[in-house]
Amino acid sequence: MARPSKKTAPSKHDSSETEETPKKLSEHQTRRRIEDILEQREFDKQFEI
């Protein structure tokens, strides 16, 4: 049982390493999402008047 745990250790490190790129991507996505939401709000305001 010691061998499988040894194998999971590197995979854990790999996942933490690959997590960084999606984080940067998601940050960009959320920023664009906020812009889209703000645009949508402005659009909705025009129709409210």
PDB file of N, CA and C in Angstrom:
ATOM      1  N   MET A   1       0.839  -1.223   0.000  1.00  0.00           N
ATOM      2  CA  MET A   1       0.000   0.000   0.000  1.00  0.00           C
ATOM      3  C   MET A   1       0.872   1.271   0.000  1.00  0.00           C
ATOM      4  N   ALA A   2       2.149   1.099   0.297  1.00  0.00           N
ATOM      5  CA  ALA A   2       3.043   2.260   0.314  1.00  0.00           C
ATOM      6  C   ALA A   2       3.325   2.747  -1.105  1.00  0.00           C
ATOM      7  N   ARG A   3       3.264   1.805  -2.074  1.00  0.00           N
ATOM      8  CA  ARG A   3       3.598   2.194  -3.458  1.00  0.00           C
ATOM      9  C   ARG A   3       2.520   3.106  -4.076  1.00  0.00           C
ATOM     10  N   PRO A   4       1.236   2.801  -3.950  1.00  0.00           N
ATOM     11  CA  PRO A   4       0.213   3.681  -4.541  1.00  0.00           C
ATOM     12  C   PRO A   4       0.265   5.097  -3.966  1.00  0.00           C
ATOM     13  N   SER A   5       0.496   5.215  -2.663  1.00  0.00           N
ATOM     14  CA  SER A   5       0.550   6.542  -2.043  1.00  0.00           C
ATOM     15  C   SER A   5       1.730   7.332  -2.599  1.00  0.00           C
ATOM     16  N   LYS A   6       2.807   6.611  -2.926  1.00  0.00           N
ATOM     17  CA  LYS A   6       3.967   7.290  -3.507  1.00  0.00           C
ATOM     18  C   LYS A   6       3.605   7.823  -4.893  1.00  0.00           C
ATOM     19  N   LYS A   7       2.736   7.095  -5.576  1.00  0.00           N
ATOM     20  CA  LYS A   7       2.353   7.487  -6.934  1.00  0.00           C
ATOM     21  C   LYS A   7       1.404   8.700  -6.896  1.00  0.00           C
ATOM     22  N   THR A   8       0.592   8.808  -5.878  1.00  0.00           N
ATOM     23  CA  THR A   8      -0.365   9.915  -5.808  1.00  0.00           C
ATOM     24  C   THR A   8       0.336  11.225  -5.448  1.00  0.00           C
ATOM     25  N   ALA A   9       1.474  11.148  -4.791  1.00  0.00           N
ATOM     26  CA  ALA A   9       2.190  12.365  -4.389  1.00  0.00           C
ATOM     27  C   ALA A   9       2.586  13.217  -5.603  1.00  0.00           C
ATOM     28  N   PRO A  10       3.233  12.630  -6.619  1.00  0.00           N
ATOM     29  CA  PRO A  10       3.605  13.442  -7.789  1.00  0.00           C
ATOM     30  C   PRO A  10       2.377  13.974  -8.537  1.00  0.00           C
ATOM     31  N   SER A  11       1.331  13.182  -8.613  1.00  0.00           N
ATOM     32  CA  SER A  11       0.131  13.623  -9.323  1.00  0.00           C
ATOM     33  C   SER A  11      -0.485  14.834  -8.608  1.00  0.00           C
ATOM     34  N   LYS A  12      -0.404  14.843  -7.296  1.00  0.00           N
ATOM     35  CA  LYS A  12      -0.916  15.992  -6.529  1.00  0.00           C
ATOM     36  C   LYS A  12      -0.126  17.243  -6.912  1.00  0.00           C
ATOM     37  N   HIS A  13       1.195  17.086  -7.012  1.00  0.00           N
ATOM     38  CA  HIS A  13       2.056  18.218  -7.377  1.00  0.00           C
ATOM     39  C   HIS A  13       1.713  18.684  -8.792  1.00  0.00           C
ATOM     40  N   ASP A  14       1.451  17.719  -9.672  1.00  0.00           N
ATOM     41  CA  ASP A  14       1.119  18.060 -11.055  1.00  0.00           C
ATOM     42  C   ASP A  14      -0.176  18.880 -11.102  1.00  0.00           C
ATOM     43  N   SER A  15      -1.166  18.451 -10.351  1.00  0.00           N
ATOM     44  CA  SER A  15      -2.457  19.137 -10.379  1.00  0.00           C
ATOM     45  C   SER A  15      -2.311  20.578  -9.879  1.00  0.00           C
ATOM     46  N   SER A  16      -1.497  20.769  -8.840  1.00  0.00           N
ATOM     47  CA  SER A  16      -1.310  22.119  -8.303  1.00  0.00           C
ATOM     48  C   SER A  16      -0.571  22.989  -9.313  1.00  0.00           C
ATOM     49  N   GLU A  17       0.299  22.350 -10.110  1.00  0.00           N
ATOM     50  CA  GLU A  17       1.050  23.115 -11.110  1.00  0.00           C
ATOM     51  C   GLU A  17       0.125  23.530 -12.253  1.00  0.00           C
ATOM     52  N   THR A  18      -0.717  22.614 -12.686  1.00  0.00           N
ATOM     53  CA  THR A  18      -1.618  22.903 -13.804  1.00  0.00           C
ATOM     54  C   THR A  18      -2.768  23.806 -13.356  1.00  0.00           C
ATOM     55  N   GLU A  19      -2.990  23.892 -12.071  1.00  0.00           N
ATOM     56  CA  GLU A  19      -4.087  24.732 -11.561  1.00  0.00           C
ATOM     57  C   GLU A  19      -3.811  26.211 -11.825  1.00  0.00           C
ATOM     58  N   GLU A  20      -2.528  26.561 -11.921  1.00  0.00           N
ATOM     59  CA  GLU A  20      -2.177  27.972 -12.082  1.00  0.00           C
ATOM     60  C   GLU A  20      -2.662  28.537 -13.417  1.00  0.00           C
ATOM     61  N   THR A  21      -2.520  27.764 -14.483  1.00  0.00           N
ATOM     62  CA  THR A  21      -2.920  28.292 -15.794  1.00  0.00           C
ATOM     63  C   THR A  21      -4.432  28.501 -15.881  1.00  0.00           C
ATOM     64  N   PRO A  22      -5.246  27.543 -15.471  1.00  0.00           N
ATOM     65  CA  PRO A  22      -6.693  27.791 -15.501  1.00  0.00           C
ATOM     66  C   PRO A  22      -7.095  28.978 -14.633  1.00  0.00           C
ATOM     67  N   LYS A  23      -6.379  29.191 -13.547  1.00  0.00           N
ATOM     68  CA  LYS A  23      -6.688  30.327 -12.670  1.00  0.00           C
ATOM     69  C   LYS A  23      -6.534  31.628 -13.449  1.00  0.00           C
ATOM     70  N   LYS A  24      -5.421  31.741 -14.178  1.00  0.00           N
ATOM     71  CA  LYS A  24      -5.192  32.950 -14.967  1.00  0.00           C
ATOM     72  C   LYS A  24      -6.269  33.080 -16.037  1.00  0.00           C
ATOM     73  N   LEU A  25      -6.621  31.955 -16.627  1.00  0.00           N
ATOM     74  CA  LEU A  25      -7.642  31.951 -17.672  1.00  0.00           C
ATOM     75  C   LEU A  25      -8.992  32.360 -17.083  1.00  0.00           C
ATOM     76  N   SER A  26      -9.337  31.763 -15.960  1.00  0.00           N
ATOM     77  CA  SER A  26     -10.634  32.055 -15.340  1.00  0.00           C
ATOM     78  C   SER A  26     -10.689  33.517 -14.904  1.00  0.00           C
ATOM     79  N   GLU A  27      -9.543  34.055 -14.471  1.00  0.00           N
ATOM     80  CA  GLU A  27      -9.509  35.459 -14.059  1.00  0.00           C
ATOM     81  C   GLU A  27      -9.872  36.339 -15.248  1.00  0.00           C
ATOM     82  N   HIS A  28      -9.324  35.993 -16.395  1.00  0.00           N
ATOM     83  CA  HIS A  28      -9.622  36.755 -17.612  1.00  0.00           C
ATOM     84  C   HIS A  28     -11.093  36.565 -17.990  1.00  0.00           C
ATOM     85  N   GLN A  29     -11.573  35.335 -17.843  1.00  0.00           N
ATOM     86  CA  GLN A  29     -12.969  35.036 -18.194  1.00  0.00           C
ATOM     87  C   GLN A  29     -13.925  35.794 -17.283  1.00  0.00           C
ATOM     88  N   THR A  30     -13.658  35.789 -15.980  1.00  0.00           N
ATOM     89  CA  THR A  30     -14.556  36.470 -15.044  1.00  0.00           C
ATOM     90  C   THR A  30     -14.541  37.970 -15.304  1.00  0.00           C
ATOM     91  N   ARG A  31     -13.384  38.494 -15.672  1.00  0.00           N
ATOM     92  CA  ARG A  31     -13.286  39.924 -15.954  1.00  0.00           C
ATOM     93  C   ARG A  31     -14.170  40.268 -17.158  1.00  0.00           C
ATOM     94  N   ARG A  32     -14.098  39.424 -18.185  1.00  0.00           N
ATOM     95  CA  ARG A  32     -14.932  39.645 -19.375  1.00  0.00           C
ATOM     96  C   ARG A  32     -16.397  39.447 -19.021  1.00  0.00           C
ATOM     97  N   ARG A  33     -16.648  38.504 -18.134  1.00  0.00           N
ATOM     98  CA  ARG A  33     -18.040  38.233 -17.716  1.00  0.00           C
ATOM     99  C   ARG A  33     -18.614  39.458 -17.030  1.00  0.00           C
ATOM    100  N   ILE A  34     -17.831  40.075 -16.166  1.00  0.00           N
ATOM    101  CA  ILE A  34     -18.293  41.274 -15.458  1.00  0.00           C
ATOM    102  C   ILE A  34     -18.593  42.372 -16.472  1.00  0.00           C
ATOM    103  N   GLU A  35     -17.702  42.519 -17.466  1.00  0.00           N
ATOM    104  CA  GLU A  35     -17.928  43.531 -18.500  1.00  0.00           C
ATOM    105  C   GLU A  35     -19.223  43.241 -19.245  1.00  0.00           C
ATOM    106  N   ASP A  36     -19.444  41.966 -19.538  1.00  0.00           N
ATOM    107  CA  ASP A  36     -20.671  41.582 -20.248  1.00  0.00           C
ATOM    108  C   ASP A  36     -21.900  41.909 -19.402  1.00  0.00           C
ATOM    109  N   ILE A  37     -21.810  41.623 -18.112  1.00  0.00           N
ATOM    110  CA  ILE A  37     -22.945  41.884 -17.218  1.00  0.00           C
ATOM    111  C   ILE A  37     -23.215  43.384 -17.143  1.00  0.00           C
ATOM    112  N   LEU A  38     -22.140  44.167 -17.052  1.00  0.00           N
ATOM    113  CA  LEU A  38     -22.306  45.621 -16.992  1.00  0.00           C
ATOM    114  C   LEU A  38     -22.940  46.130 -18.284  1.00  0.00           C
ATOM    115  N   GLU A  39     -22.487  45.595 -19.405  1.00  0.00           N
ATOM    116  CA  GLU A  39     -23.067  45.992 -20.691  1.00  0.00           C
ATOM    117  C   GLU A  39     -24.541  45.623 -20.731  1.00  0.00           C
ATOM    118  N   GLN A  40     -24.854  44.437 -20.236  1.00  0.00           N
ATOM    119  CA  GLN A  40     -26.241  43.975 -20.235  1.00  0.00           C
ATOM    120  C   GLN A  40     -27.093  44.891 -19.363  1.00  0.00           C
ATOM    121  N   ARG A  41     -26.537  45.346 -18.248  1.00  0.00           N
ATOM    122  CA  ARG A  41     -27.282  46.239 -17.351  1.00  0.00           C
ATOM    123  C   ARG A  41     -27.574  47.558 -18.053  1.00  0.00           C
ATOM    124  N   GLU A  42     -26.567  48.090 -18.731  1.00  0.00           N
ATOM    125  CA  GLU A  42     -26.765  49.341 -19.463  1.00  0.00           C
ATOM    126  C   GLU A  42     -27.841  49.144 -20.528  1.00  0.00           C
ATOM    127  N   PHE A  43     -27.789  47.996 -21.169  1.00  0.00           N
ATOM    128  CA  PHE A  43     -28.768  47.662 -22.212  1.00  0.00           C
ATOM    129  C   PHE A  43     -30.167  47.606 -21.605  1.00  0.00           C
ATOM    130  N   ASP A  44     -30.265  46.964 -20.444  1.00  0.00           N
ATOM    131  CA  ASP A  44     -31.567  46.843 -19.767  1.00  0.00           C
ATOM    132  C   ASP A  44     -32.071  48.221 -19.343  1.00  0.00           C
ATOM    133  N   LYS A  45     -31.171  49.077 -18.894  1.00  0.00           N
ATOM    134  CA  LYS A  45     -31.569  50.412 -18.444  1.00  0.00           C
ATOM    135  C   LYS A  45     -32.217  51.183 -19.592  1.00  0.00           C
ATOM    136  N   GLN A  46     -31.659  51.042 -20.773  1.00  0.00           N
ATOM    137  CA  GLN A  46     -32.203  51.750 -21.932  1.00  0.00           C
ATOM    138  C   GLN A  46     -33.659  51.341 -22.165  1.00  0.00           C
ATOM    139  N   PHE A  47     -33.943  50.081 -21.927  1.00  0.00           N
ATOM    140  CA  PHE A  47     -35.305  49.597 -22.159  1.00  0.00           C
ATOM    141  C   PHE A  47     -36.239  49.995 -21.024  1.00  0.00           C
ATOM    142  N   GLU A  48     -35.653  50.217 -19.842  1.00  0.00           N
ATOM    143  CA  GLU A  48     -36.484  50.592 -18.687  1.00  0.00           C
ATOM    144  C   GLU A  48     -37.088  51.974 -18.893  1.00  0.00           C
ATOM    145  N   ILE A  49     -36.318  52.861 -19.469  1.00  0.00           N
ATOM    146  CA  ILE A  49     -36.779  54.245 -19.624  1.00  0.00           C
ATOM    147  C   ILE A  49     -37.929  54.306 -20.631  1.00  0.00           C
TER     148      ILE A  49
END
